[in-house]
């Protein structure tokens, strides 16, 4: 996964991975489960937090629209901020250029 400037990261999720995440969920109208979307947020946030960052918690994850396995998906970590409790990263999941989920992830 490529990274941008320090504290910023981007990644594209292959459709084949989304298909695997949807296996068995709403077979006639598949959507990516929320737990997997939260995991995608944490994944890109870890890149922005830097090497050796350990996931402490997903502080917030807001779902704005369904994510379908046929969508082109981009993960973006927009800001990493050091704090007294670790590094906090803001991240979002975009599908077809629209934000479908955003959240805040903290690393120890």
Foldseek 3Di string as FASTA:
>chain_A
DDADPQLKGKDWDDLVVQVVQQVPPPVVFTFRDPVVQLVLQVVRNVVNQDPPWAWDFFPDKDFAATHHSVWTKMKIWDGWDQDPQAIKIKIFIDTPRHTGMITITGTD
